[in-house]
Amino acid sequence: MSVLTRDVILRELEQGRLRIEPLDECQIGAASIDLHLGNELRILVPNQNGPVDVTDAEESSMETEVIPFTEPYVLEPGRTVHGVTRERLVFPPNICAWIEGRSRIARFGLTVHVSSGFVQPGVSNHQVLELSNLAGVPLRIHPGTRICQIVLQRTEGEAVYRGRFARQDAP
């Protein structure tokens, strides 16, 4: 597997094999593409019944709610919310990616994924971001911010992800 550089990314986009919508060419770096924070957040709701069970059967959406994200949101220290990329990613079956933070964002103590930074080949979705505040102060996050980047890789072989999040559009 190899990381795709700007010239290869541009060629894949031009040929229509790779689609990122919307996309401005200035988002494409030397070997990554910047993505923006979309306009919805999924937040945890207080659980009145004690601890949340973390099992294979438990759905995280059972303990959360989606809220509109049109104004800045204050993320308290130690808290995590789910955001979603503004951009829809459409990958061919031989390209996958890794979501990474941007250093300008990380310097504030904001992470963009807790542990699910891999984007499967063949997806057609908006990527959910696990925004966590590791700083000792509240952080005001804004919709539309260039929040993360993806690093694209060519796979050895082809595959298409058909799991439960293959076509997600909301956090």
Protein backbone atom coordinates (compact mmCIF):
# COMPACT_ATOMS: atom_id res chain seq x y z
CA MET A 1 0.00 0.00 0.00
CA SER A 2 1.25 3.45 -0.81
CA VAL A 3 0.19 6.96 0.20
CA LEU A 4 -1.25 9.00 -2.67
CA THR A 5 0.41 12.35 -3.37
CA ARG A 6 -1.25 15.49 -4.70
CA ASP A 7 -0.62 14.68 -8.37
CA VAL A 8 -2.15 11.20 -8.03
CA ILE A 9 -5.10 12.54 -5.98
CA LEU A 10 -5.81 15.14 -8.68
CA ARG A 11 -5.63 12.47 -11.40
CA GLU A 12 -8.03 10.17 -9.48
CA LEU A 13 -10.46 13.09 -9.04
CA GLU A 14 -10.19 14.11 -12.70
CA GLN A 15 -10.92 10.54 -13.84
CA GLY A 16 -13.95 10.43 -11.53
CA ARG A 17 -12.76 7.35 -9.68
CA LEU A 18 -12.41 9.33 -6.44
CA ARG A 19 -15.07 11.88 -5.47
CA ILE A 20 -15.10 14.32 -2.59
CA GLU A 21 -18.09 16.64 -2.61
CA PRO A 22 -17.83 19.57 -2.17
CA LEU A 23 -14.11 20.05 -2.78
CA ASP A 24 -11.96 23.08 -3.50
CA GLU A 25 -8.53 22.27 -4.91
CA CYS A 26 -6.91 24.36 -2.14
CA GLN A 27 -7.97 21.59 0.31
CA ILE A 28 -5.52 19.19 -1.35
CA GLY A 29 -2.08 19.19 0.24
CA ALA A 30 1.14 17.38 -0.67
CA ALA A 31 -0.27 14.01 0.44
CA SER A 32 -3.60 14.68 2.18
CA ILE A 33 -6.96 16.40 1.80
CA ASP A 34 -8.39 18.74 4.43
CA LEU A 35 -12.03 18.19 5.44
CA HIS A 36 -14.48 20.54 7.13
CA LEU A 37 -16.74 20.04 10.13
CA GLY A 38 -20.37 19.71 9.02
CA ASN A 39 -23.57 21.11 10.54
CA GLU A 40 -24.78 18.40 12.96
CA LEU A 41 -23.46 17.07 16.26
CA ARG A 42 -24.40 13.95 18.18
CA ILE A 43 -24.16 14.50 21.93
CA LEU A 44 -24.50 12.16 24.88
CA VAL A 45 -27.64 12.62 26.92
CA PRO A 46 -27.55 12.10 30.68
CA ASN A 47 -28.30 8.49 31.52
CA GLN A 48 -30.81 8.28 34.31
CA ASN A 49 -30.35 4.52 34.73
CA GLY A 50 -26.69 4.41 35.76
CA PRO A 51 -23.69 3.48 33.63
CA VAL A 52 -23.96 2.89 29.88
CA ASP A 53 -23.25 -0.72 28.93
CA VAL A 54 -20.56 -1.06 26.28
CA THR A 55 -21.26 -4.35 24.51
CA ASP A 56 -21.54 -5.67 20.95
CA ALA A 57 -25.32 -5.39 21.21
CA GLU A 58 -25.51 -1.86 22.66
CA GLU A 59 -26.19 0.97 20.19
CA SER A 60 -24.42 4.24 21.04
CA SER A 61 -27.31 6.12 19.45
CA MET A 62 -29.54 4.92 22.30
CA GLU A 63 -27.75 7.28 24.69
CA THR A 64 -27.35 10.24 22.32
CA GLU A 65 -29.25 12.84 20.33
CA VAL A 66 -28.44 14.71 17.12
CA ILE A 67 -28.56 18.49 17.36
CA PRO A 68 -28.22 21.18 14.67
CA PHE A 69 -24.76 22.73 14.59
CA THR A 70 -25.14 26.16 13.05
CA GLU A 71 -23.67 28.19 15.91
CA PRO A 72 -20.42 27.53 17.83
CA TYR A 73 -20.65 24.72 20.38
CA VAL A 74 -18.74 24.75 23.67
CA LEU A 75 -17.04 21.40 24.24
CA GLU A 76 -16.17 21.01 27.90
CA PRO A 77 -12.87 19.41 29.02
CA GLY A 78 -13.03 15.62 29.04
CA ARG A 79 -16.16 15.51 26.86
CA THR A 80 -16.65 13.85 23.47
CA VAL A 81 -19.22 14.65 20.80
CA HIS A 82 -19.65 13.24 17.31
CA GLY A 83 -19.43 15.54 14.34
CA VAL A 84 -19.62 14.73 10.65
CA THR A 85 -17.58 15.95 7.70
CA ARG A 86 -19.22 18.43 5.38
CA GLU A 87 -17.72 16.51 2.49
CA ARG A 88 -19.10 13.22 1.17
CA LEU A 89 -16.30 10.77 0.37
CA VAL A 90 -16.78 8.33 -2.51
CA PHE A 91 -13.89 5.89 -2.85
CA PRO A 92 -13.20 3.27 -5.51
CA PRO A 93 -12.61 -0.30 -4.29
CA ASN A 94 -8.83 0.10 -4.30
CA ILE A 95 -8.46 3.27 -2.21
CA CYS A 96 -8.82 3.58 1.56
CA ALA A 97 -7.86 6.41 3.90
CA TRP A 98 -6.89 7.43 7.41
CA ILE A 99 -8.48 10.38 9.19
CA GLU A 100 -5.89 12.46 10.98
CA GLY A 101 -6.07 15.63 13.00
CA ARG A 102 -4.59 18.88 11.78
CA SER A 103 -1.77 20.21 13.95
CA ARG A 104 -3.41 23.65 14.20
CA ILE A 105 -6.49 21.97 15.77
CA ALA A 106 -4.53 19.50 17.92
CA ARG A 107 -2.57 22.35 19.52
CA PHE A 108 -5.79 23.45 21.19
CA GLY A 109 -6.20 19.98 22.72
CA LEU A 110 -8.97 18.90 20.34
CA THR A 111 -8.79 15.40 18.86
CA VAL A 112 -10.85 14.37 15.83
CA HIS A 113 -11.04 10.64 16.42
CA VAL A 114 -10.80 8.47 19.48
CA SER A 115 -10.02 5.19 17.75
CA SER A 116 -11.91 4.91 14.46
CA GLY A 117 -9.67 6.74 12.04
CA PHE A 118 -9.80 4.21 9.18
CA VAL A 119 -11.96 4.85 6.11
CA GLN A 120 -12.81 1.65 4.23
CA PRO A 121 -12.41 1.25 0.44
CA GLY A 122 -15.58 1.66 -1.60
CA VAL A 123 -17.39 3.95 0.87
CA SER A 124 -19.85 6.64 -0.13
CA ASN A 125 -20.52 8.65 3.00
CA HIS A 126 -19.80 11.53 5.30
CA GLN A 127 -17.24 10.53 7.93
CA VAL A 128 -18.18 10.70 11.58
CA LEU A 129 -15.62 12.47 13.77
CA GLU A 130 -15.18 11.73 17.47
CA LEU A 131 -14.32 15.20 18.78
CA SER A 132 -12.74 15.05 22.24
CA ASN A 133 -11.52 17.94 24.37
CA LEU A 134 -8.22 17.00 26.02
CA ALA A 135 -7.50 20.58 27.05
CA GLY A 136 -8.06 21.85 30.57
CA VAL A 137 -10.37 24.58 29.30
CA PRO A 138 -13.65 24.64 27.34
CA LEU A 139 -13.20 24.80 23.56
CA ARG A 140 -15.65 26.60 21.27
CA ILE A 141 -15.88 24.57 18.06
CA HIS A 142 -17.32 26.12 14.91
CA PRO A 143 -19.20 24.52 12.00
CA GLY A 144 -17.34 24.72 8.70
CA THR A 145 -13.87 24.65 10.31
CA ARG A 146 -11.15 22.76 8.43
CA ILE A 147 -10.99 20.22 11.21
CA CYS A 148 -9.13 17.16 9.88
CA GLN A 149 -7.37 15.62 6.93
CA ILE A 150 -7.47 12.29 5.17
CA VAL A 151 -4.42 10.44 3.94
CA LEU A 152 -5.31 8.21 0.99
CA GLN A 153 -3.72 4.83 0.33
CA ARG A 154 -4.00 2.41 -2.55
CA THR A 155 -4.95 -1.08 -1.40
CA GLU A 156 -3.48 -4.37 -2.47
CA GLY A 157 -6.55 -5.94 -4.04
CA GLU A 158 -10.04 -4.49 -4.09
CA ALA A 159 -12.86 -4.44 -1.55
CA VAL A 160 -16.07 -2.54 -0.94
CA TYR A 161 -17.20 -1.83 2.60
CA ARG A 162 -20.85 -2.83 3.03
CA GLY A 163 -21.10 -2.54 6.82
CA ARG A 164 -23.69 -0.62 8.79
CA PHE A 165 -21.95 2.75 8.33
CA ALA A 166 -21.32 2.42 4.56
CA ARG A 167 -23.79 5.16 3.64
CA GLN A 168 -23.89 7.32 6.76
CA ASP A 169 -24.82 10.96 6.39
CA ALA A 170 -25.20 12.04 10.02
CA PRO A 171 -23.04 11.77 13.13
